[in-house]
């Protein structure tokens, strides 16, 4: 991606690395979800990686048209799957400060795109904070851990990431490159947009009414595939605004999407695949929806909830 010293860095980055503030009062170890309750470590194992359901076209916002939202299921908070072996400390190739600047610039680009989208709809975009941590950290959703991968907490409206996750992506799954890293951040910012629009609560309610865990997981898969599609939409709009992409960047994003498919992760971590436990979709599905978002540049092309085939 084309970033230089003159490019803006977001003012909304909170650096907690090395602070050791990961334990919550009372020793809580779960994750609080909207509407009450707490997800235990068992549920953390099936939460998804590296998201948006607006059903609207950001390009129309840039042109000043009205915001229109369809009646669709609305996604909830998610993060990366808990993958055994993710380091709890350490940097990214020994360049944590350089990587911190990079994610700060990616966050700034997200702010610029979504601020234009919301303003075009006559609304105000509330910029989220991005928290850098190492090992564990406090969140309003419970104790954040490196093994969870990057995640978004709707209660405090913050994105959390241990930068060692990028090393893990590269070493364990072969997903490298700066655009692959930007894709991860942008996915989580998508969850923030969902939260601002009330999307998270509606899907959480739908999942609570599911008749089985498998059915709830299927709802989550559609939400995450939509997130992949809309990560592609963000990349498309950002390219129009900032011309950040270099040759090979989109291939990096597609490779990352393929590497973190549920089927791929399950094969690598447990040696077999359990489709009912999928929460993000297969590698092929993730690639397909990311590509669809990027090539169309239109959010309405990302309606996975009414799609007959994923």
C-alpha atoms as a PDB file:
ATOM      1  CA  UNK A   1       0.000   0.000   0.000  1.00  0.00           C
ATOM      2  CA  UNK A   2       1.171   3.524  -0.758  1.00  0.00           C
ATOM      3  CA  UNK A   3       1.836   5.242   2.566  1.00  0.00           C
ATOM      4  CA  UNK A   4       4.487   7.853   3.275  1.00  0.00           C
ATOM      5  CA  UNK A   5       5.684  10.160   6.008  1.00  0.00           C
ATOM      6  CA  UNK A   6       3.210  12.820   4.953  1.00  0.00           C
ATOM      7  CA  UNK A   7       0.157  10.605   5.327  1.00  0.00           C
ATOM      8  CA  UNK A   8      -2.152  11.248   8.251  1.00  0.00           C
ATOM      9  CA  UNK A   9      -2.102   9.019  11.295  1.00  0.00           C
ATOM     10  CA  UNK A  10      -5.239   8.651  13.361  1.00  0.00           C
ATOM     11  CA  UNK A  11      -5.396  10.418  16.711  1.00  0.00           C
ATOM     12  CA  UNK A  12      -7.561   7.597  18.040  1.00  0.00           C
ATOM     13  CA  UNK A  13      -4.884   4.980  18.728  1.00  0.00           C
ATOM     14  CA  UNK A  14      -4.403   3.910  22.345  1.00  0.00           C
ATOM     15  CA  UNK A  15      -1.110   2.133  23.014  1.00  0.00           C
ATOM     16  CA  UNK A  16      -1.301  -0.232  25.998  1.00  0.00           C
ATOM     17  CA  UNK A  17       1.588  -2.463  25.010  1.00  0.00           C
ATOM     18  CA  UNK A  18       3.658  -3.568  27.980  1.00  0.00           C
ATOM     19  CA  UNK A  19       1.259  -2.145  30.559  1.00  0.00           C
ATOM     20  CA  UNK A  20       0.080  -5.501  31.899  1.00  0.00           C
ATOM     21  CA  UNK A  21      -3.465  -4.286  32.549  1.00  0.00           C
ATOM     22  CA  UNK A  22      -5.178  -7.418  31.357  1.00  0.00           C
ATOM     23  CA  UNK A  23      -6.944  -8.698  34.459  1.00  0.00           C
ATOM     24  CA  UNK A  24     -10.373  -7.394  35.310  1.00  0.00           C
ATOM     25  CA  UNK A  25     -11.571  -6.754  38.854  1.00  0.00           C
ATOM     26  CA  UNK A  26     -13.173  -9.913  40.145  1.00  0.00           C
ATOM     27  CA  UNK A  27     -11.113 -12.117  37.854  1.00  0.00           C
ATOM     28  CA  UNK A  28     -13.650 -12.164  35.026  1.00  0.00           C
ATOM     29  CA  UNK A  29     -12.537 -14.301  32.102  1.00  0.00           C
ATOM     30  CA  UNK A  30     -15.579 -14.216  29.838  1.00  0.00           C
ATOM     31  CA  UNK A  31     -16.733 -11.805  27.182  1.00  0.00           C
ATOM     32  CA  UNK A  32     -19.865  -9.765  27.837  1.00  0.00           C
ATOM     33  CA  UNK A  33     -22.261  -9.603  24.905  1.00  0.00           C
ATOM     34  CA  UNK A  34     -24.939  -7.009  24.148  1.00  0.00           C
ATOM     35  CA  UNK A  35     -28.163  -7.732  25.987  1.00  0.00           C
ATOM     36  CA  UNK A  36     -26.394  -9.282  28.955  1.00  0.00           C
ATOM     37  CA  UNK A  37     -24.670 -12.568  29.595  1.00  0.00           C
ATOM     38  CA  UNK A  38     -21.075 -13.621  29.215  1.00  0.00           C
ATOM     39  CA  UNK A  39     -19.364 -15.808  26.665  1.00  0.00           C
ATOM     40  CA  UNK A  40     -17.003 -18.326  28.188  1.00  0.00           C
ATOM     41  CA  UNK A  41     -13.791 -19.647  26.730  1.00  0.00           C
ATOM     42  CA  UNK A  42     -15.702 -22.371  24.887  1.00  0.00           C
ATOM     43  CA  UNK A  43     -17.551 -19.766  22.873  1.00  0.00           C
ATOM     44  CA  UNK A  44     -14.354 -17.826  22.270  1.00  0.00           C
ATOM     45  CA  UNK A  45     -13.059 -20.862  20.399  1.00  0.00           C
ATOM     46  CA  UNK A  46     -15.740 -20.436  17.740  1.00  0.00           C
ATOM     47  CA  UNK A  47     -15.682 -16.661  17.395  1.00  0.00           C
ATOM     48  CA  UNK A  48     -14.480 -15.640  13.955  1.00  0.00           C
ATOM     49  CA  UNK A  49     -11.028 -13.711  12.223  1.00  0.00           C
ATOM     50  CA  UNK A  50     -10.554 -11.242  10.070  1.00  0.00           C
ATOM     51  CA  UNK A  51     -17.950  -6.541   8.483  1.00  0.00           C
ATOM     52  CA  UNK A  52     -20.834  -4.635   7.717  1.00  0.00           C
ATOM     53  CA  UNK A  53     -24.517  -4.825   6.851  1.00  0.00           C
ATOM     54  CA  UNK A  54     -25.845  -1.537   5.633  1.00  0.00           C
ATOM     55  CA  UNK A  55     -27.477  -2.597   2.390  1.00  0.00           C
ATOM     56  CA  UNK A  56     -26.612   0.826   0.981  1.00  0.00           C
ATOM     57  CA  UNK A  57     -24.141   2.188  -1.523  1.00  0.00           C
ATOM     58  CA  UNK A  58     -21.419   4.415  -0.017  1.00  0.00           C
ATOM     59  CA  UNK A  59     -20.794   5.838  -3.478  1.00  0.00           C
ATOM     60  CA  UNK A  60     -24.266   7.372  -3.360  1.00  0.00           C
ATOM     61  CA  UNK A  61     -23.350   9.037  -0.065  1.00  0.00           C
ATOM     62  CA  UNK A  62     -20.311  10.612  -1.658  1.00  0.00           C
ATOM     63  CA  UNK A  63     -22.725  12.015  -4.188  1.00  0.00           C
ATOM     64  CA  UNK A  64     -24.913  13.384  -1.402  1.00  0.00           C
ATOM     65  CA  UNK A  65     -27.897  11.046  -1.709  1.00  0.00           C
ATOM     66  CA  UNK A  66     -30.123   9.948   1.139  1.00  0.00           C
ATOM     67  CA  UNK A  67     -29.410   7.065   3.489  1.00  0.00           C
ATOM     68  CA  UNK A  68     -31.691   4.108   2.886  1.00  0.00           C
ATOM     69  CA  UNK A  69     -31.457   0.907   4.887  1.00  0.00           C
ATOM     70  CA  UNK A  70     -33.252  -2.324   3.970  1.00  0.00           C
ATOM     71  CA  UNK A  71     -34.913  -4.621   6.447  1.00  0.00           C
ATOM     72  CA  UNK A  72     -32.120  -7.165   6.946  1.00  0.00           C
ATOM     73  CA  UNK A  73     -30.622  -9.080   9.863  1.00  0.00           C
ATOM     74  CA  UNK A  74     -28.039  -6.975  11.691  1.00  0.00           C
ATOM     75  CA  UNK A  75     -24.638  -8.402  12.742  1.00  0.00           C
ATOM     76  CA  UNK A  76     -23.205  -8.582  16.231  1.00  0.00           C
ATOM     77  CA  UNK A  77     -19.734  -8.162  17.679  1.00  0.00           C
ATOM     78  CA  UNK A  78     -17.066 -10.654  16.638  1.00  0.00           C
ATOM     79  CA  UNK A  79     -13.352 -11.043  16.543  1.00  0.00           C
ATOM     80  CA  UNK A  80     -10.782 -13.468  15.310  1.00  0.00           C
ATOM     81  CA  UNK A  81     -11.001 -17.137  16.271  1.00  0.00           C
ATOM     82  CA  UNK A  82      -9.050 -18.317  19.266  1.00  0.00           C
ATOM     83  CA  UNK A  83      -6.183 -20.200  17.636  1.00  0.00           C
ATOM     84  CA  UNK A  84      -3.822 -22.199  19.812  1.00  0.00           C
ATOM     85  CA  UNK A  85      -0.255 -21.054  19.403  1.00  0.00           C
ATOM     86  CA  UNK A  86      -0.815 -17.344  18.919  1.00  0.00           C
ATOM     87  CA  UNK A  87       1.979 -15.579  20.809  1.00  0.00           C
ATOM     88  CA  UNK A  88       0.967 -13.371  23.673  1.00  0.00           C
ATOM     89  CA  UNK A  89       3.839 -10.916  23.412  1.00  0.00           C
ATOM     90  CA  UNK A  90       6.419  -9.778  20.955  1.00  0.00           C
ATOM     91  CA  UNK A  91       6.433  -7.690  17.853  1.00  0.00           C
ATOM     92  CA  UNK A  92       6.035  -7.971  14.141  1.00  0.00           C
ATOM     93  CA  UNK A  93       9.437  -8.684  12.713  1.00  0.00           C
ATOM     94  CA  UNK A  94      10.937  -6.485  15.430  1.00  0.00           C
ATOM     95  CA  UNK A  95       9.200  -3.402  13.998  1.00  0.00           C
ATOM     96  CA  UNK A  96       6.265  -2.782  16.302  1.00  0.00           C
ATOM     97  CA  UNK A  97       6.558   0.997  16.108  1.00  0.00           C
ATOM     98  CA  UNK A  98       6.574   0.902  12.315  1.00  0.00           C
ATOM     99  CA  UNK A  99       3.585  -1.424  12.360  1.00  0.00           C
ATOM    100  CA  UNK A 100       1.804   0.819  14.853  1.00  0.00           C
ATOM    101  CA  UNK A 101       2.223   3.741  12.462  1.00  0.00           C
ATOM    102  CA  UNK A 102       0.896   1.612   9.628  1.00  0.00           C
ATOM    103  CA  UNK A 103      -2.281   0.563  11.459  1.00  0.00           C
ATOM    104  CA  UNK A 104      -2.750   4.176  12.562  1.00  0.00           C
ATOM    105  CA  UNK A 105      -2.721   5.258   8.907  1.00  0.00           C
ATOM    106  CA  UNK A 106      -5.125   2.483   7.957  1.00  0.00           C
ATOM    107  CA  UNK A 107      -7.409   3.641  10.755  1.00  0.00           C
ATOM    108  CA  UNK A 108      -7.160   7.200   9.439  1.00  0.00           C
ATOM    109  CA  UNK A 109      -8.174   6.033   5.962  1.00  0.00           C
ATOM    110  CA  UNK A 110     -11.155   4.231   7.462  1.00  0.00           C
ATOM    111  CA  UNK A 111     -12.107   7.412   9.299  1.00  0.00           C
ATOM    112  CA  UNK A 112     -11.944   9.448   6.089  1.00  0.00           C
ATOM    113  CA  UNK A 113     -14.056   7.011   4.078  1.00  0.00           C
ATOM    114  CA  UNK A 114     -16.727   6.442   6.718  1.00  0.00           C
ATOM    115  CA  UNK A 115     -16.870  10.097   7.695  1.00  0.00           C
ATOM    116  CA  UNK A 116     -17.724  10.956   4.078  1.00  0.00           C
ATOM    117  CA  UNK A 117     -20.273   8.156   3.921  1.00  0.00           C
ATOM    118  CA  UNK A 118     -22.059   9.266   7.081  1.00  0.00           C
ATOM    119  CA  UNK A 119     -21.937  12.970   6.209  1.00  0.00           C
ATOM    120  CA  UNK A 120     -23.412  12.204   2.812  1.00  0.00           C
ATOM    121  CA  UNK A 121     -26.315  10.574   4.646  1.00  0.00           C
ATOM    122  CA  UNK A 122     -26.769  13.517   6.991  1.00  0.00           C
ATOM    123  CA  UNK A 123     -25.350  11.622   9.940  1.00  0.00           C
ATOM    124  CA  UNK A 124     -22.234  11.862  12.083  1.00  0.00           C
ATOM    125  CA  UNK A 125     -19.616   9.138  12.161  1.00  0.00           C
ATOM    126  CA  UNK A 126     -18.317   8.447  15.659  1.00  0.00           C
ATOM    127  CA  UNK A 127     -14.688   7.486  15.291  1.00  0.00           C
ATOM    128  CA  UNK A 128     -13.648   4.386  17.236  1.00  0.00           C
ATOM    129  CA  UNK A 129     -10.410   3.990  19.139  1.00  0.00           C
ATOM    130  CA  UNK A 130      -7.930   1.297  18.175  1.00  0.00           C
ATOM    131  CA  UNK A 131      -6.188  -0.250  21.183  1.00  0.00           C
ATOM    132  CA  UNK A 132      -2.748  -1.827  20.791  1.00  0.00           C
ATOM    133  CA  UNK A 133      -2.024  -4.348  23.534  1.00  0.00           C
ATOM    134  CA  UNK A 134       0.254  -7.252  24.311  1.00  0.00           C
ATOM    135  CA  UNK A 135      -0.930 -10.471  25.913  1.00  0.00           C
ATOM    136  CA  UNK A 136      -4.102  -9.387  27.695  1.00  0.00           C
ATOM    137  CA  UNK A 137      -6.000  -6.166  28.245  1.00  0.00           C
ATOM    138  CA  UNK A 138      -9.148  -4.843  29.864  1.00  0.00           C
ATOM    139  CA  UNK A 139     -12.180  -4.174  27.704  1.00  0.00           C
ATOM    140  CA  UNK A 140     -15.767  -3.271  28.481  1.00  0.00           C
ATOM    141  CA  UNK A 141     -16.664  -6.679  26.996  1.00  0.00           C
ATOM    142  CA  UNK A 142     -14.426  -8.635  29.347  1.00  0.00           C
ATOM    143  CA  UNK A 143     -10.788  -9.648  29.299  1.00  0.00           C
ATOM    144  CA  UNK A 144      -9.206  -9.347  25.869  1.00  0.00           C
ATOM    145  CA  UNK A 145      -6.554 -11.908  24.992  1.00  0.00           C
ATOM    146  CA  UNK A 146      -4.050 -12.188  22.165  1.00  0.00           C
ATOM    147  CA  UNK A 147      -5.365 -15.662  21.325  1.00  0.00           C
ATOM    148  CA  UNK A 148      -8.687 -14.111  20.350  1.00  0.00           C
ATOM    149  CA  UNK A 149      -7.040 -12.245  17.503  1.00  0.00           C
ATOM    150  CA  UNK A 150      -8.244  -8.725  16.624  1.00  0.00           C
ATOM    151  CA  UNK A 151     -11.768  -7.989  17.842  1.00  0.00           C
ATOM    152  CA  UNK A 152     -14.272  -5.198  18.308  1.00  0.00           C
ATOM    153  CA  UNK A 153     -16.101  -4.475  21.564  1.00  0.00           C
ATOM    154  CA  UNK A 154     -19.482  -2.768  20.986  1.00  0.00           C
ATOM    155  CA  UNK A 155     -19.797  -1.715  24.624  1.00  0.00           C
ATOM    156  CA  UNK A 156     -16.816   0.660  24.570  1.00  0.00           C
ATOM    157  CA  UNK A 157     -16.711   1.075  20.779  1.00  0.00           C
ATOM    158  CA  UNK A 158     -13.053   0.086  20.463  1.00  0.00           C
ATOM    159  CA  UNK A 159     -11.040  -2.213  18.210  1.00  0.00           C
ATOM    160  CA  UNK A 160      -8.376  -4.294  19.960  1.00  0.00           C
ATOM    161  CA  UNK A 161      -5.295  -5.878  18.406  1.00  0.00           C
ATOM    162  CA  UNK A 162      -2.068  -7.457  19.562  1.00  0.00           C
ATOM    163  CA  UNK A 163       0.303  -6.764  16.664  1.00  0.00           C
ATOM    164  CA  UNK A 164       1.886 -10.193  17.115  1.00  0.00           C
ATOM    165  CA  UNK A 165      -1.225 -11.495  15.367  1.00  0.00           C
ATOM    166  CA  UNK A 166       0.285 -10.378  12.064  1.00  0.00           C
ATOM    167  CA  UNK A 167       3.342 -12.543  12.682  1.00  0.00           C
ATOM    168  CA  UNK A 168       1.010 -15.434  13.384  1.00  0.00           C
ATOM    169  CA  UNK A 169      -0.938 -14.866  10.172  1.00  0.00           C
ATOM    170  CA  UNK A 170       2.267 -14.950   8.177  1.00  0.00           C
ATOM    171  CA  UNK A 171       4.009 -17.841   9.917  1.00  0.00           C
ATOM    172  CA  UNK A 172       1.054 -20.168  10.490  1.00  0.00           C
ATOM    173  CA  UNK A 173      -1.208 -19.371   7.551  1.00  0.00           C
ATOM    174  CA  UNK A 174       1.059 -17.773   4.979  1.00  0.00           C
ATOM    175  CA  UNK A 175      -1.065 -14.607   4.930  1.00  0.00           C
ATOM    176  CA  UNK A 176       1.418 -11.762   4.602  1.00  0.00           C
ATOM    177  CA  UNK A 177       1.563  -8.289   3.112  1.00  0.00           C
ATOM    178  CA  UNK A 178       0.482  -4.850   4.199  1.00  0.00           C
ATOM    179  CA  UNK A 179      -2.899  -5.015   2.511  1.00  0.00           C
ATOM    180  CA  UNK A 180      -3.689  -8.282   4.303  1.00  0.00           C
ATOM    181  CA  UNK A 181      -2.987  -6.398   7.534  1.00  0.00           C
ATOM    182  CA  UNK A 182      -5.158  -3.459   6.477  1.00  0.00           C
ATOM    183  CA  UNK A 183      -7.941  -5.896   5.637  1.00  0.00           C
ATOM    184  CA  UNK A 184      -7.939  -7.170   9.218  1.00  0.00           C
ATOM    185  CA  UNK A 185      -8.277  -3.668  10.681  1.00  0.00           C
ATOM    186  CA  UNK A 186     -10.948  -2.616   8.199  1.00  0.00           C
ATOM    187  CA  UNK A 187     -12.992  -5.719   8.963  1.00  0.00           C
ATOM    188  CA  UNK A 188     -13.171  -4.755  12.626  1.00  0.00           C
ATOM    189  CA  UNK A 189     -14.011  -1.133  11.810  1.00  0.00           C
ATOM    190  CA  UNK A 190     -16.928  -2.586   9.902  1.00  0.00           C
ATOM    191  CA  UNK A 191     -18.250  -4.001  13.163  1.00  0.00           C
ATOM    192  CA  UNK A 192     -18.070  -0.503  14.625  1.00  0.00           C
ATOM    193  CA  UNK A 193     -20.216   0.840  11.786  1.00  0.00           C
ATOM    194  CA  UNK A 194     -22.691  -1.962  12.436  1.00  0.00           C
ATOM    195  CA  UNK A 195     -22.785  -0.971  16.084  1.00  0.00           C
ATOM    196  CA  UNK A 196     -23.441   2.685  15.284  1.00  0.00           C
ATOM    197  CA  UNK A 197     -26.397   1.697  13.126  1.00  0.00           C
ATOM    198  CA  UNK A 198     -27.917  -0.734  15.642  1.00  0.00           C
ATOM    199  CA  UNK A 199     -27.023  -3.739  13.521  1.00  0.00           C
ATOM    200  CA  UNK A 200     -25.260  -5.685  16.273  1.00  0.00           C
ATOM    201  CA  UNK A 201     -28.233  -5.840  18.606  1.00  0.00           C
ATOM    202  CA  UNK A 202     -30.663  -7.074  15.936  1.00  0.00           C
ATOM    203  CA  UNK A 203     -28.457  -9.994  14.896  1.00  0.00           C
ATOM    204  CA  UNK A 204     -27.710 -10.859  18.518  1.00  0.00           C
ATOM    205  CA  UNK A 205     -31.438 -11.142  19.082  1.00  0.00           C
ATOM    206  CA  UNK A 206     -31.812 -13.315  16.008  1.00  0.00           C
ATOM    207  CA  UNK A 207     -29.041 -15.608  17.220  1.00  0.00           C
ATOM    208  CA  UNK A 208     -30.636 -15.890  20.655  1.00  0.00           C
ATOM    209  CA  UNK A 209     -33.847 -17.073  19.021  1.00  0.00           C
ATOM    210  CA  UNK A 210     -32.028 -19.713  16.967  1.00  0.00           C
ATOM    211  CA  UNK A 211     -33.174 -23.276  17.604  1.00  0.00           C
ATOM    212  CA  UNK A 212     -29.653 -24.678  17.810  1.00  0.00           C
ATOM    213  CA  UNK A 213     -26.016 -23.701  18.025  1.00  0.00           C
ATOM    214  CA  UNK A 214     -25.565 -24.730  14.397  1.00  0.00           C
ATOM    215  CA  UNK A 215     -28.348 -22.360  13.317  1.00  0.00           C
ATOM    216  CA  UNK A 216     -26.815 -19.499  15.315  1.00  0.00           C
ATOM    217  CA  UNK A 217     -23.453 -20.241  13.714  1.00  0.00           C
ATOM    218  CA  UNK A 218     -25.063 -20.112  10.264  1.00  0.00           C
ATOM    219  CA  UNK A 219     -26.351 -16.607  11.018  1.00  0.00           C
ATOM    220  CA  UNK A 220     -22.857 -15.614  12.103  1.00  0.00           C
ATOM    221  CA  UNK A 221     -21.362 -16.997   8.889  1.00  0.00           C
ATOM    222  CA  UNK A 222     -23.630 -14.808   6.759  1.00  0.00           C
ATOM    223  CA  UNK A 223     -22.693 -11.772   8.802  1.00  0.00           C
ATOM    224  CA  UNK A 224     -18.967 -12.458   8.503  1.00  0.00           C
ATOM    225  CA  UNK A 225     -19.119 -13.136   4.770  1.00  0.00           C
ATOM    226  CA  UNK A 226     -20.896  -9.826   4.420  1.00  0.00           C
ATOM    227  CA  UNK A 227     -18.048  -8.290   6.378  1.00  0.00           C
ATOM    228  CA  UNK A 228     -15.568  -9.734   3.897  1.00  0.00           C
ATOM    229  CA  UNK A 229     -17.583  -8.302   1.027  1.00  0.00           C
ATOM    230  CA  UNK A 230     -17.705  -4.885   2.673  1.00  0.00           C
ATOM    231  CA  UNK A 231     -14.005  -4.959   3.436  1.00  0.00           C
ATOM    232  CA  UNK A 232     -13.694  -5.198  -0.328  1.00  0.00           C
ATOM    233  CA  UNK A 233     -16.089  -2.259  -0.700  1.00  0.00           C
ATOM    234  CA  UNK A 234     -13.922  -0.205   1.675  1.00  0.00           C
ATOM    235  CA  UNK A 235     -10.812  -1.035  -0.341  1.00  0.00           C
ATOM    236  CA  UNK A 236     -12.584   0.061  -3.514  1.00  0.00           C
ATOM    237  CA  UNK A 237     -13.792   3.378  -2.068  1.00  0.00           C
ATOM    238  CA  UNK A 238     -10.452   4.067  -0.406  1.00  0.00           C
ATOM    239  CA  UNK A 239      -8.684   3.525  -3.709  1.00  0.00           C
ATOM    240  CA  UNK A 240     -10.963   6.122  -5.302  1.00  0.00           C
ATOM    241  CA  UNK A 241     -10.212   8.605  -2.518  1.00  0.00           C
ATOM    242  CA  UNK A 242      -6.530   7.944  -1.823  1.00  0.00           C
ATOM    243  CA  UNK A 243      -5.114   5.660  -4.574  1.00  0.00           C
ATOM    244  CA  UNK A 244      -3.384   3.492  -1.963  1.00  0.00           C
ATOM    245  CA  UNK A 245      -3.241   0.189  -3.828  1.00  0.00           C
ATOM    246  CA  UNK A 246      -0.085  -1.191  -5.369  1.00  0.00           C
ATOM    247  CA  UNK A 247       0.264  -4.221  -7.675  1.00  0.00           C
ATOM    248  CA  UNK A 248      -0.370  -7.389  -5.684  1.00  0.00           C
ATOM    249  CA  UNK A 249      -2.321  -5.761  -2.840  1.00  0.00           C
ATOM    250  CA  UNK A 250      -5.685  -7.252  -3.735  1.00  0.00           C
ATOM    251  CA  UNK A 251      -4.048 -10.658  -4.178  1.00  0.00           C
ATOM    252  CA  UNK A 252      -2.740 -10.289  -0.613  1.00  0.00           C
ATOM    253  CA  UNK A 253      -6.264  -9.627   0.593  1.00  0.00           C
ATOM    254  CA  UNK A 254      -7.658 -12.602  -1.306  1.00  0.00           C
ATOM    255  CA  UNK A 255      -4.890 -14.811   0.061  1.00  0.00           C
ATOM    256  CA  UNK A 256      -5.649 -13.669   3.602  1.00  0.00           C
ATOM    257  CA  UNK A 257      -9.359 -14.331   3.128  1.00  0.00           C
ATOM    258  CA  UNK A 258      -8.571 -17.830   1.873  1.00  0.00           C
ATOM    259  CA  UNK A 259      -6.091 -18.546   4.666  1.00  0.00           C
ATOM    260  CA  UNK A 260      -8.568 -17.779   7.428  1.00  0.00           C
ATOM    261  CA  UNK A 261     -11.550 -19.706   6.134  1.00  0.00           C
ATOM    262  CA  UNK A 262     -13.137 -21.922   8.776  1.00  0.00           C
ATOM    263  CA  UNK A 263     -12.357 -25.081   6.816  1.00  0.00           C
ATOM    264  CA  UNK A 264      -8.701 -24.119   6.440  1.00  0.00           C
ATOM    265  CA  UNK A 265      -8.296 -23.193  10.102  1.00  0.00           C
ATOM    266  CA  UNK A 266     -10.002 -26.358  11.332  1.00  0.00           C
ATOM    267  CA  UNK A 267      -7.834 -28.575   9.136  1.00  0.00           C
ATOM    268  CA  UNK A 268      -4.665 -26.920  10.381  1.00  0.00           C
ATOM    269  CA  UNK A 269      -5.586 -26.760  14.051  1.00  0.00           C
ATOM    270  CA  UNK A 270      -7.541 -29.980  14.631  1.00  0.00           C
ATOM    271  CA  UNK A 271      -7.033 -32.048  11.489  1.00  0.00           C
ATOM    272  CA  UNK A 272     -10.703 -32.316  10.454  1.00  0.00           C
ATOM    273  CA  UNK A 273     -13.605 -30.081   9.442  1.00  0.00           C
ATOM    274  CA  UNK A 274     -16.907 -29.569  11.310  1.00  0.00           C
ATOM    275  CA  UNK A 275     -19.201 -27.428   9.086  1.00  0.00           C
ATOM    276  CA  UNK A 276     -21.784 -26.879  11.839  1.00  0.00           C
ATOM    277  CA  UNK A 277     -19.087 -25.117  13.857  1.00  0.00           C
ATOM    278  CA  UNK A 278     -18.254 -22.656  11.066  1.00  0.00           C
ATOM    279  CA  UNK A 279     -18.669 -19.028  12.132  1.00  0.00           C
ATOM    280  CA  UNK A 280     -16.953 -17.195   9.252  1.00  0.00           C
ATOM    281  CA  UNK A 281     -17.391 -19.292   6.122  1.00  0.00           C
ATOM    282  CA  UNK A 282     -15.119 -21.421   3.990  1.00  0.00           C
ATOM    283  CA  UNK A 283     -12.016 -20.115   2.260  1.00  0.00           C
ATOM    284  CA  UNK A 284     -13.805 -20.131  -1.095  1.00  0.00           C
ATOM    285  CA  UNK A 285     -16.763 -18.206   0.315  1.00  0.00           C
ATOM    286  CA  UNK A 286     -14.598 -15.567   1.964  1.00  0.00           C
ATOM    287  CA  UNK A 287     -12.633 -14.994  -1.224  1.00  0.00           C
ATOM    288  CA  UNK A 288     -15.821 -14.820  -3.293  1.00  0.00           C
ATOM    289  CA  UNK A 289     -17.486 -12.180  -1.121  1.00  0.00           C
ATOM    290  CA  UNK A 290     -14.383 -10.054  -0.677  1.00  0.00           C
ATOM    291  CA  UNK A 291     -13.885 -10.003  -4.444  1.00  0.00           C
ATOM    292  CA  UNK A 292     -17.541  -9.146  -4.984  1.00  0.00           C
ATOM    293  CA  UNK A 293     -17.275  -6.145  -2.698  1.00  0.00           C
ATOM    294  CA  UNK A 294     -14.099  -4.838  -4.253  1.00  0.00           C
ATOM    295  CA  UNK A 295     -15.185  -5.277  -7.857  1.00  0.00           C
ATOM    296  CA  UNK A 296     -18.595  -3.676  -7.288  1.00  0.00           C
ATOM    297  CA  UNK A 297     -17.665  -0.986  -4.775  1.00  0.00           C
ATOM    298  CA  UNK A 298     -21.302  -1.139  -3.666  1.00  0.00           C
ATOM    299  CA  UNK A 299     -22.579  -2.165  -0.269  1.00  0.00           C
ATOM    300  CA  UNK A 300     -25.902  -3.401  -1.633  1.00  0.00           C
ATOM    301  CA  UNK A 301     -23.959  -6.122  -3.448  1.00  0.00           C
ATOM    302  CA  UNK A 302     -23.066  -7.572  -0.039  1.00  0.00           C
ATOM    303  CA  UNK A 303     -26.481  -8.889   0.997  1.00  0.00           C
ATOM    304  CA  UNK A 304     -25.471 -12.336   2.183  1.00  0.00           C
ATOM    305  CA  UNK A 305     -28.611 -12.683   4.297  1.00  0.00           C
ATOM    306  CA  UNK A 306     -30.917 -13.100   1.323  1.00  0.00           C
ATOM    307  CA  UNK A 307     -28.358 -14.780  -0.910  1.00  0.00           C
ATOM    308  CA  UNK A 308     -29.500 -18.296  -1.867  1.00  0.00           C
ATOM    309  CA  UNK A 309     -25.930 -19.432  -2.366  1.00  0.00           C
ATOM    310  CA  UNK A 310     -22.928 -18.273  -0.350  1.00  0.00           C
END
